[in-house]
Amino acid sequence: MKTEINQLAIEFDADEEFETGRQALVEVLQCKLHFKDTSQFSVMAEILKTDEQKLAAFWFAYFTARLKIEQSYEFILANQCFDWGVKQLDAMQDQTLRPSNCVLLKTQIAVMLVDEDRGMHNNHFSHTQQSCEKALALIAAQPECQAKLESEITYIQAVLALSTLLAKRDTGVFIAESEWIEIEQVLQSAYEKTKSLKIYASVLKAYLVSLSYLKEVTASKLVVSDGRLVSSYYATINSMQVNCLIGSLENQTLREKLMLKVKANSFYEPEPPDVLSDMSEGGQFHIWQFDLPEVNLPEFRDSPLSYNLSLRFNSLGLVQLHFETDLMGADVNHIRHLTNLPLENALDEKIEWQDQTGLLYLRDLAEYIFSQVDDWFGDESSLIYSASEHVSTVLLLETLEDVLQPGKMLTFTEAQNHPDWIGIKIPPREVRSTFENWRVQIPHTGIL
């Protein structure tokens, strides 16, 4: 039976039928495995009693990792799922039942390629280079597996060649036309050799059709000299409980309890905006604001990003959580990545806030804080929120510059006429799209 598990799983993997593979393993597992986050990893490991279950759990975790990579942006969690699966193999009493070393290497390489994706999505090509080189080194360390991983090697080498060329281009090294012709041939050859692997082939195809954008040489780039971005999550209170909410916020003891709940640093009551002045004059509109500790993304585009975080209530029963960050020096690619962060199509990121662990998206933190507010308000609270739907972003661009003319503020017309303006004008898109990867990119600077 254990041999059959490996054989069937390998067949599903070869056909890229990851969900079908997971369903086929359910009968063997005789339990449900949930990989929404890492909180249940220890519990799931404890319910796996037999070697058969542990072997099936490895493949289930691997297929889950592949699905997360292909159908979501939970790249970090995908790696964690795979690592958990390997631990189940290590826990088997009969180690002869493990998949062969070459099969395990093949699964490891497939999950590792997510790091190459992250580098390409972020236009950080040296990151992709390093990921490709790491994968090739692992394969080289097991020469007996190279023939079985021929397609993977072909794909990785093609991506490595492209990312190396793009990294050179973005540091100002002149790329001759002959080099672009050569990389096109490399990509085309790799595409022909990996057609049977739909996932790899589709990526190579996207690179091929994007070469015309990649070859355009320009030293011009639109950057923000003064501006900020505010992403906000919203919640509302049941209309019957608004007066109760106002009473709780005006009660100092209850307010201090809320400050402890949400770890607030300070509290104040700001003046309402002018647009609401008529309402506020009649005493009908009021704002209560709690400033929370800073949110940090230490590895965002391989450089730290921080948000000022504030929680606002108003007397209409609206609750707002604002993430605000400065945009000075940001180019259009950076801005578009920022506007994606609060949305469903965001790439997962390492997020640091106080002692909270496992935060991968801004919405994770929003849900946590809203849950704390809900708990503070009491058992009868009916705070209504959806971190996936109740979200907006305000982009304030006060001044823009062209890097070719530092210090010169562009007029609105000049900014609109810049080739990068389209990236500010159009709404956020799925970050894997050809447009998102290549049209709005870190421009190449040609010959220095």
Protein backbone atom coordinates (compact mmCIF):
# COMPACT_ATOMS: atom_id res chain seq x y z
CA MET A 1 0.00 0.00 0.00
CA LYS A 2 2.82 2.40 0.90
CA THR A 3 4.50 1.75 -2.47
CA GLU A 4 1.18 2.49 -4.15
CA ILE A 5 0.95 5.82 -2.33
CA ASN A 6 4.30 6.93 -3.74
CA GLN A 7 3.50 5.64 -7.21
CA LEU A 8 0.08 7.31 -7.39
CA ALA A 9 1.38 10.58 -5.95
CA ILE A 10 4.22 10.70 -8.46
CA GLU A 11 1.72 10.21 -11.29
CA PHE A 12 -0.52 13.01 -10.00
CA ASP A 13 2.54 15.24 -9.66
CA ALA A 14 3.67 14.52 -13.22
CA ASP A 15 0.19 15.42 -14.49
CA GLU A 16 0.13 18.56 -12.32
CA GLU A 17 -3.16 17.33 -10.82
CA PHE A 18 -2.46 18.59 -7.32
CA GLU A 19 -6.03 18.86 -6.02
CA THR A 20 -6.95 15.44 -7.43
CA GLY A 21 -3.86 14.07 -5.74
CA ARG A 22 -4.92 15.53 -2.40
CA GLN A 23 -8.39 14.03 -2.64
CA ALA A 24 -6.95 10.62 -3.49
CA LEU A 25 -4.97 10.69 -0.23
CA VAL A 26 -7.91 11.45 2.05
CA GLU A 27 -8.93 7.80 2.42
CA VAL A 28 -5.42 6.81 3.47
CA LEU A 29 -5.08 9.70 5.92
CA GLN A 30 -8.40 8.96 7.65
CA CYS A 31 -8.31 12.50 9.04
CA LYS A 32 -8.58 16.08 7.84
CA LEU A 33 -5.48 18.20 7.35
CA HIS A 34 -5.84 21.98 7.31
CA PHE A 35 -3.07 24.25 6.08
CA LYS A 36 -4.68 27.68 6.37
CA ASP A 37 -1.84 28.66 8.70
CA THR A 38 0.79 27.00 10.87
CA SER A 39 -1.24 27.01 14.08
CA GLN A 40 -2.47 23.43 13.61
CA PHE A 41 0.81 21.88 12.45
CA SER A 42 1.64 20.28 15.82
CA VAL A 43 -1.89 18.97 16.34
CA MET A 44 -1.99 17.44 12.86
CA ALA A 45 1.34 15.71 13.38
CA GLU A 46 0.08 14.08 16.59
CA ILE A 47 -2.93 12.44 14.93
CA LEU A 48 -0.75 10.67 12.34
CA LYS A 49 -0.12 7.28 13.94
CA THR A 50 1.00 4.95 11.14
CA ASP A 51 3.81 5.20 8.62
CA GLU A 52 1.17 4.98 5.93
CA GLN A 53 -0.57 8.08 7.27
CA LYS A 54 2.70 9.97 7.59
CA LEU A 55 3.71 9.13 4.03
CA ALA A 56 0.31 10.24 2.75
CA ALA A 57 0.61 13.42 4.85
CA PHE A 58 3.90 14.30 3.14
CA TRP A 59 2.33 14.09 -0.29
CA PHE A 60 -0.78 15.92 0.89
CA ALA A 61 1.40 18.75 2.25
CA TYR A 62 3.43 18.85 -0.97
CA PHE A 63 0.34 19.05 -3.17
CA THR A 64 -1.03 21.77 -0.89
CA ALA A 65 2.21 23.73 -1.26
CA ARG A 66 2.00 23.49 -5.06
CA LEU A 67 -1.62 24.65 -5.00
CA LYS A 68 -0.76 27.62 -2.81
CA ILE A 69 2.03 28.58 -5.20
CA GLU A 70 -0.09 28.26 -8.33
CA GLN A 71 -3.44 29.54 -7.06
CA SER A 72 -2.56 32.07 -4.36
CA TYR A 73 0.28 34.23 -3.11
CA GLU A 74 0.91 32.28 0.08
CA PHE A 75 4.50 31.59 -0.89
CA ILE A 76 5.87 31.58 2.65
CA LEU A 77 3.15 29.21 3.85
CA ALA A 78 3.82 26.94 0.86
CA ASN A 79 7.40 26.45 2.05
CA GLN A 80 6.19 25.85 5.60
CA CYS A 81 3.71 23.20 4.38
CA PHE A 82 6.44 21.36 2.49
CA ASP A 83 8.83 21.49 5.46
CA TRP A 84 6.09 20.08 7.69
CA GLY A 85 5.56 17.24 5.22
CA VAL A 86 9.27 16.36 5.23
CA LYS A 87 9.16 16.18 9.04
CA GLN A 88 6.42 13.55 8.76
CA LEU A 89 8.69 11.47 6.56
CA ASP A 90 11.48 11.79 9.12
CA ALA A 91 9.08 10.58 11.80
CA MET A 92 8.33 7.28 10.03
CA GLN A 93 9.70 4.18 11.73
CA ASP A 94 10.45 2.44 8.44
CA GLN A 95 12.60 4.87 6.48
CA THR A 96 12.76 2.52 3.48
CA LEU A 97 9.22 3.65 2.68
CA ARG A 98 10.33 7.19 1.91
CA PRO A 99 10.14 8.38 -1.69
CA SER A 100 13.47 8.01 -3.45
CA ASN A 101 16.08 10.74 -3.05
CA CYS A 102 15.51 11.88 -6.62
CA VAL A 103 11.75 12.12 -6.12
CA LEU A 104 12.24 14.13 -2.93
CA LEU A 105 14.70 16.42 -4.70
CA LYS A 106 12.20 16.95 -7.49
CA THR A 107 9.50 17.99 -5.03
CA GLN A 108 11.92 20.25 -3.14
CA ILE A 109 13.00 22.00 -6.34
CA ALA A 110 9.37 22.53 -7.41
CA VAL A 111 8.58 24.31 -4.13
CA MET A 112 11.86 26.23 -4.09
CA LEU A 113 11.06 27.81 -7.45
CA VAL A 114 8.61 30.07 -5.64
CA ASP A 115 11.62 32.16 -4.61
CA GLU A 116 12.47 32.68 -8.26
CA ASP A 117 8.87 33.82 -8.81
CA ARG A 118 9.10 36.31 -5.97
CA GLY A 119 12.23 37.88 -7.46
CA MET A 120 10.65 38.19 -10.91
CA HIS A 121 7.36 39.56 -9.54
CA ASN A 122 9.28 42.21 -7.61
CA ASN A 123 11.62 43.00 -10.52
CA HIS A 124 14.47 42.08 -8.17
CA PHE A 125 16.43 39.99 -10.62
CA SER A 126 19.50 39.33 -8.48
CA HIS A 127 17.15 37.59 -6.02
CA THR A 128 16.01 35.32 -8.85
CA GLN A 129 19.64 34.68 -9.82
CA GLN A 130 20.49 33.54 -6.32
CA SER A 131 17.42 31.29 -6.12
CA CYS A 132 18.23 29.64 -9.46
CA GLU A 133 21.85 29.09 -8.49
CA LYS A 134 20.81 27.54 -5.17
CA ALA A 135 18.44 25.12 -6.93
CA LEU A 136 21.04 24.12 -9.51
CA ALA A 137 23.61 23.55 -6.76
CA LEU A 138 21.24 21.15 -4.99
CA ILE A 139 20.75 19.19 -8.18
CA ALA A 140 24.49 19.14 -8.91
CA ALA A 141 25.08 17.65 -5.46
CA GLN A 142 23.07 14.58 -6.52
CA PRO A 143 24.38 13.74 -10.01
CA GLU A 144 22.40 10.49 -10.07
CA CYS A 145 19.22 12.59 -10.25
CA GLN A 146 20.17 14.96 -13.05
CA ALA A 147 18.70 12.87 -15.87
CA LYS A 148 15.36 12.66 -14.04
CA LEU A 149 15.31 16.41 -13.50
CA GLU A 150 16.26 17.38 -17.03
CA SER A 151 13.15 19.52 -17.59
CA GLU A 152 13.60 21.33 -14.29
CA ILE A 153 17.27 22.01 -15.09
CA THR A 154 16.33 23.38 -18.50
CA TYR A 155 13.73 25.69 -16.99
CA ILE A 156 15.96 26.94 -14.18
CA GLN A 157 18.89 27.58 -16.50
CA ALA A 158 16.66 29.62 -18.83
CA VAL A 159 15.29 31.73 -15.97
CA LEU A 160 18.82 32.16 -14.61
CA ALA A 161 20.06 33.37 -17.99
CA LEU A 162 17.20 35.87 -18.28
CA SER A 163 17.49 37.18 -14.71
CA THR A 164 21.27 37.56 -15.08
CA LEU A 165 20.81 39.65 -18.20
CA LEU A 166 18.13 41.80 -16.58
CA ALA A 167 20.23 42.33 -13.47
CA LYS A 168 23.08 43.56 -15.66
CA ARG A 169 20.71 45.81 -17.58
CA ASP A 170 19.37 47.42 -14.43
CA THR A 171 22.85 48.29 -13.19
CA GLY A 172 23.53 50.24 -16.36
CA VAL A 173 25.48 47.62 -18.32
CA PHE A 174 24.86 47.89 -22.05
CA ILE A 175 23.14 44.81 -23.48
CA ALA A 176 23.96 44.20 -27.11
CA GLU A 177 21.27 43.13 -29.56
CA SER A 178 23.08 39.83 -30.03
CA GLU A 179 22.60 39.08 -26.31
CA TRP A 180 18.86 39.68 -26.59
CA ILE A 181 18.72 37.38 -29.59
CA GLU A 182 20.62 34.73 -27.66
CA ILE A 183 18.32 34.94 -24.62
CA GLU A 184 15.29 34.66 -26.89
CA GLN A 185 16.74 31.47 -28.35
CA VAL A 186 17.43 30.11 -24.86
CA LEU A 187 13.86 30.82 -23.72
CA GLN A 188 12.37 29.39 -26.92
CA SER A 189 14.44 26.22 -26.63
CA ALA A 190 13.49 25.78 -22.97
CA TYR A 191 9.84 26.37 -23.79
CA GLU A 192 9.89 23.66 -26.46
CA LYS A 193 11.54 21.20 -24.05
CA THR A 194 9.13 21.86 -21.16
CA LYS A 195 5.82 21.92 -23.03
CA SER A 196 4.71 18.81 -21.19
CA LEU A 197 5.01 20.72 -17.91
CA LYS A 198 2.22 23.27 -18.19
CA ILE A 199 3.35 25.42 -15.27
CA TYR A 200 6.96 25.85 -16.38
CA ALA A 201 5.96 26.30 -20.02
CA SER A 202 3.42 29.00 -19.21
CA VAL A 203 6.02 31.04 -17.34
CA LEU A 204 8.56 30.76 -20.15
CA LYS A 205 5.90 31.75 -22.66
CA ALA A 206 5.17 34.92 -20.65
CA TYR A 207 8.86 35.80 -20.68
CA LEU A 208 9.09 35.24 -24.42
CA VAL A 209 6.20 37.54 -25.28
CA SER A 210 7.61 40.21 -22.94
CA LEU A 211 11.04 40.52 -24.54
CA SER A 212 10.03 43.52 -26.62
CA TYR A 213 9.39 45.47 -23.39
CA LEU A 214 12.55 44.23 -21.75
CA LYS A 215 14.75 45.41 -24.60
CA GLU A 216 13.61 49.03 -24.50
CA VAL A 217 16.43 51.12 -23.09
CA THR A 218 15.59 54.30 -21.19
CA ALA A 219 17.19 56.21 -18.38
CA SER A 220 13.96 58.04 -17.56
CA LYS A 221 11.97 57.07 -14.50
CA LEU A 222 9.07 58.72 -12.69
CA VAL A 223 9.63 58.97 -8.92
CA VAL A 224 7.75 60.56 -6.03
CA SER A 225 9.56 63.41 -4.30
CA ASP A 226 6.70 64.09 -1.88
CA GLY A 227 3.68 61.89 -1.27
CA ARG A 228 2.10 59.24 0.86
CA LEU A 229 -0.16 56.22 0.60
CA VAL A 230 -2.90 55.28 3.06
CA SER A 231 -4.53 51.86 2.97
CA SER A 232 -7.61 51.54 5.16
CA TYR A 233 -9.73 48.66 6.41
CA TYR A 234 -13.29 49.40 7.53
CA ALA A 235 -15.71 47.95 10.02
CA THR A 236 -19.17 49.08 11.12
CA ILE A 237 -21.18 48.60 14.27
CA ASN A 238 -24.80 47.55 14.42
CA SER A 239 -26.84 50.76 14.17
CA MET A 240 -28.70 49.89 17.38
CA GLN A 241 -25.41 49.91 19.30
CA VAL A 242 -23.87 53.19 18.11
CA ASN A 243 -24.86 55.07 21.26
CA CYS A 244 -23.37 52.29 23.36
CA LEU A 245 -20.13 52.55 21.39
CA ILE A 246 -19.99 56.33 21.90
CA GLY A 247 -20.59 55.88 25.61
CA SER A 248 -17.77 53.34 25.87
CA LEU A 249 -15.34 55.61 24.01
CA GLU A 250 -16.20 58.56 26.26
CA ASN A 251 -15.65 56.46 29.38
CA GLN A 252 -11.98 56.84 30.33
CA THR A 253 -11.76 53.49 32.13
CA LEU A 254 -13.26 51.57 29.21
CA ARG A 255 -11.14 53.54 26.75
CA GLU A 256 -7.97 52.62 28.60
CA LYS A 257 -9.00 48.97 28.43
CA LEU A 258 -9.29 49.32 24.66
CA MET A 259 -5.83 50.90 24.52
CA LEU A 260 -4.42 47.81 26.23
CA LYS A 261 -6.35 45.52 23.88
CA VAL A 262 -4.97 47.12 20.70
CA LYS A 263 -1.58 48.05 22.25
CA ALA A 264 -2.17 51.75 21.54
CA ASN A 265 0.57 54.28 22.27
CA SER A 266 -1.67 57.33 22.46
CA PHE A 267 -5.23 58.58 22.20
CA TYR A 268 -6.70 61.89 21.05
CA GLU A 269 -9.81 63.39 19.51
CA PRO A 270 -8.93 65.07 16.18
CA GLU A 271 -11.01 67.78 14.56
CA PRO A 272 -13.38 66.38 11.91
CA PRO A 273 -12.54 67.16 8.26
CA ASP A 274 -14.03 70.32 6.75
CA VAL A 275 -16.43 68.27 4.66
CA LEU A 276 -18.10 67.16 7.91
CA SER A 277 -18.00 70.54 9.62
CA ASP A 278 -21.75 71.10 9.35
CA MET A 279 -22.43 67.88 11.18
CA SER A 280 -19.74 68.45 13.80
CA GLU A 281 -20.97 71.95 14.66
CA GLY A 282 -24.25 70.46 15.75
CA GLY A 283 -22.45 67.99 17.94
CA GLN A 284 -23.53 65.15 15.68
CA PHE A 285 -20.11 64.03 14.52
CA HIS A 286 -17.07 63.12 16.55
CA ILE A 287 -13.78 61.23 16.03
CA TRP A 288 -11.74 59.18 18.48
CA GLN A 289 -8.26 58.11 17.34
CA PHE A 290 -5.81 55.61 18.81
CA ASP A 291 -2.25 55.57 17.47
CA LEU A 292 -0.83 52.06 17.45
CA PRO A 293 2.79 50.86 17.19
CA GLU A 294 4.52 50.94 13.83
CA VAL A 295 4.13 48.04 11.40
CA ASN A 296 7.32 46.78 9.77
CA LEU A 297 7.93 44.69 6.66
CA PRO A 298 11.71 44.09 6.93
CA GLU A 299 12.06 42.28 3.59
CA PHE A 300 9.70 44.24 1.34
CA ARG A 301 11.38 44.33 -2.09
CA ASP A 302 14.57 43.51 -0.18
CA SER A 303 14.44 46.78 1.75
CA PRO A 304 12.55 47.71 4.94
CA LEU A 305 9.07 49.23 4.74
CA SER A 306 7.21 50.73 7.69
CA TYR A 307 3.64 51.91 8.22
CA ASN A 308 2.20 54.28 10.78
CA LEU A 309 -0.89 52.56 12.16
CA SER A 310 -3.97 54.26 13.60
CA LEU A 311 -7.41 53.10 14.68
CA ARG A 312 -10.29 55.55 14.30
CA PHE A 313 -13.90 55.53 15.47
CA ASN A 314 -16.55 58.07 14.57
CA SER A 315 -19.95 58.80 16.00
CA LEU A 316 -21.72 57.24 13.02
CA GLY A 317 -20.44 53.82 14.08
CA LEU A 318 -17.62 53.51 11.51
CA VAL A 319 -14.31 51.96 12.56
CA GLN A 320 -11.23 52.57 10.39
CA LEU A 321 -7.76 51.06 10.57
CA HIS A 322 -5.26 53.20 8.62
CA PHE A 323 -1.87 51.99 7.34
CA GLU A 324 0.10 55.06 6.20
CA THR A 325 3.55 55.14 4.60
CA ASP A 326 5.78 57.79 3.04
CA LEU A 327 6.45 57.56 -0.71
CA MET A 328 9.51 59.76 -1.06
CA GLY A 329 11.79 58.23 -3.70
CA ALA A 330 9.27 55.55 -4.71
CA ASP A 331 9.03 54.66 -8.39
CA VAL A 332 5.88 53.45 -10.11
CA ASN A 333 6.70 49.76 -9.71
CA HIS A 334 7.15 50.32 -5.96
CA ILE A 335 3.83 52.19 -5.73
CA ARG A 336 1.93 49.46 -7.57
CA HIS A 337 3.39 46.84 -5.27
CA LEU A 338 2.26 48.93 -2.27
CA THR A 339 -1.27 49.32 -3.62
CA ASN A 340 -1.49 45.54 -3.93
CA LEU A 341 -0.44 44.86 -0.32
CA PRO A 342 -3.87 45.34 1.32
CA LEU A 343 -5.70 43.41 -1.41
CA GLU A 344 -6.45 39.75 -2.00
CA ASN A 345 -3.81 39.51 -4.74
CA ALA A 346 -0.94 40.60 -2.49
CA LEU A 347 2.23 38.57 -2.24
CA ASP A 348 2.77 37.32 1.29
CA GLU A 349 5.35 39.22 3.30
CA LYS A 350 7.07 38.88 6.64
CA ILE A 351 5.19 41.37 8.85
CA GLU A 352 6.38 42.43 12.29
CA TRP A 353 4.03 44.05 14.79
CA GLN A 354 4.54 43.80 18.52
CA ASP A 355 4.52 40.17 19.70
CA GLN A 356 2.15 38.89 16.99
CA THR A 357 3.44 35.93 14.98
CA GLY A 358 2.37 34.43 11.67
CA LEU A 359 1.38 37.73 10.05
CA LEU A 360 1.79 37.42 6.27
CA TYR A 361 -0.68 40.01 4.98
CA LEU A 362 -1.88 43.43 6.13
CA ARG A 363 -5.37 41.96 6.31
CA ASP A 364 -4.13 39.45 8.93
CA LEU A 365 -3.27 42.34 11.23
CA ALA A 366 -6.52 44.14 10.40
CA GLU A 367 -8.55 41.07 11.34
CA TYR A 368 -6.61 40.72 14.60
CA ILE A 369 -7.17 44.34 15.64
CA PHE A 370 -10.86 44.30 14.69
CA SER A 371 -11.27 41.10 16.72
CA GLN A 372 -9.72 42.86 19.72
CA VAL A 373 -12.14 45.77 19.30
CA ASP A 374 -15.03 43.31 19.04
CA ASP A 375 -13.92 41.56 22.21
CA TRP A 376 -13.53 44.88 24.07
CA PHE A 377 -17.00 46.04 23.09
CA GLY A 378 -18.61 43.05 24.80
CA ASP A 379 -20.47 39.82 24.27
CA GLU A 380 -23.29 41.51 22.39
CA SER A 381 -20.97 43.25 19.96
CA SER A 382 -21.80 42.95 16.30
CA LEU A 383 -18.82 44.54 14.62
CA ILE A 384 -19.21 43.93 10.89
CA TYR A 385 -16.05 43.68 8.83
CA SER A 386 -14.43 41.85 5.96
CA ALA A 387 -10.72 42.45 5.51
CA SER A 388 -11.08 41.13 1.97
CA GLU A 389 -13.86 43.50 0.90
CA HIS A 390 -13.94 46.54 3.19
CA VAL A 391 -10.64 48.07 2.13
CA SER A 392 -9.51 51.13 0.20
CA THR A 393 -6.30 52.93 -0.70
CA VAL A 394 -5.69 56.65 -1.05
CA LEU A 395 -2.63 57.66 -3.07
CA LEU A 396 -1.50 61.25 -2.53
CA LEU A 397 1.19 62.38 -4.96
CA GLU A 398 2.12 65.97 -4.15
CA THR A 399 5.21 66.24 -6.35
CA LEU A 400 6.79 63.97 -8.94
CA GLU A 401 10.20 64.10 -10.61
CA ASP A 402 12.00 62.47 -13.50
CA VAL A 403 15.27 60.97 -12.30
CA LEU A 404 16.96 62.65 -15.27
CA GLN A 405 16.04 66.03 -13.79
CA PRO A 406 16.45 65.69 -10.01
CA GLY A 407 14.93 68.53 -8.01
CA LYS A 408 12.66 69.69 -10.83
CA MET A 409 9.00 69.22 -9.92
CA LEU A 410 6.95 68.02 -12.88
CA THR A 411 3.72 69.75 -13.80
CA PHE A 412 0.64 67.59 -13.93
CA THR A 413 0.77 67.60 -17.72
CA GLU A 414 4.45 66.61 -17.74
CA ALA A 415 3.75 63.76 -15.31
CA GLN A 416 0.83 62.55 -17.43
CA ASN A 417 3.01 62.53 -20.54
CA HIS A 418 5.68 60.35 -18.91
CA PRO A 419 5.62 56.67 -20.07
CA ASP A 420 5.41 55.49 -16.45
CA TRP A 421 2.16 57.40 -15.78
CA ILE A 422 0.07 54.50 -17.05
CA GLY A 423 1.22 52.50 -14.04
CA ILE A 424 -0.31 55.08 -11.70
CA LYS A 425 -3.49 55.49 -13.73
CA ILE A 426 -4.61 51.88 -14.10
CA PRO A 427 -5.95 49.92 -11.10
CA PRO A 428 -3.91 47.18 -9.40
CA ARG A 429 -3.69 43.93 -11.32
CA GLU A 430 -2.81 40.36 -10.60
CA VAL A 431 0.95 40.55 -10.00
CA ARG A 432 1.70 37.56 -12.19
CA SER A 433 0.29 39.23 -15.29
CA THR A 434 2.68 39.97 -18.12
CA PHE A 435 1.79 43.65 -17.94
CA GLU A 436 2.47 43.88 -14.24
CA ASN A 437 5.83 42.18 -14.50
CA TRP A 438 7.22 43.97 -17.48
CA ARG A 439 5.52 47.18 -18.53
CA VAL A 440 5.87 48.86 -15.15
CA GLN A 441 9.35 47.82 -14.17
CA ILE A 442 12.56 49.30 -12.87
CA PRO A 443 13.70 51.00 -16.09
CA HIS A 444 17.04 50.07 -17.52
CA THR A 445 19.59 52.84 -17.75
CA GLY A 446 21.42 51.76 -20.90
CA ILE A 447 25.11 52.74 -21.02
CA LEU A 448 26.41 54.64 -18.00
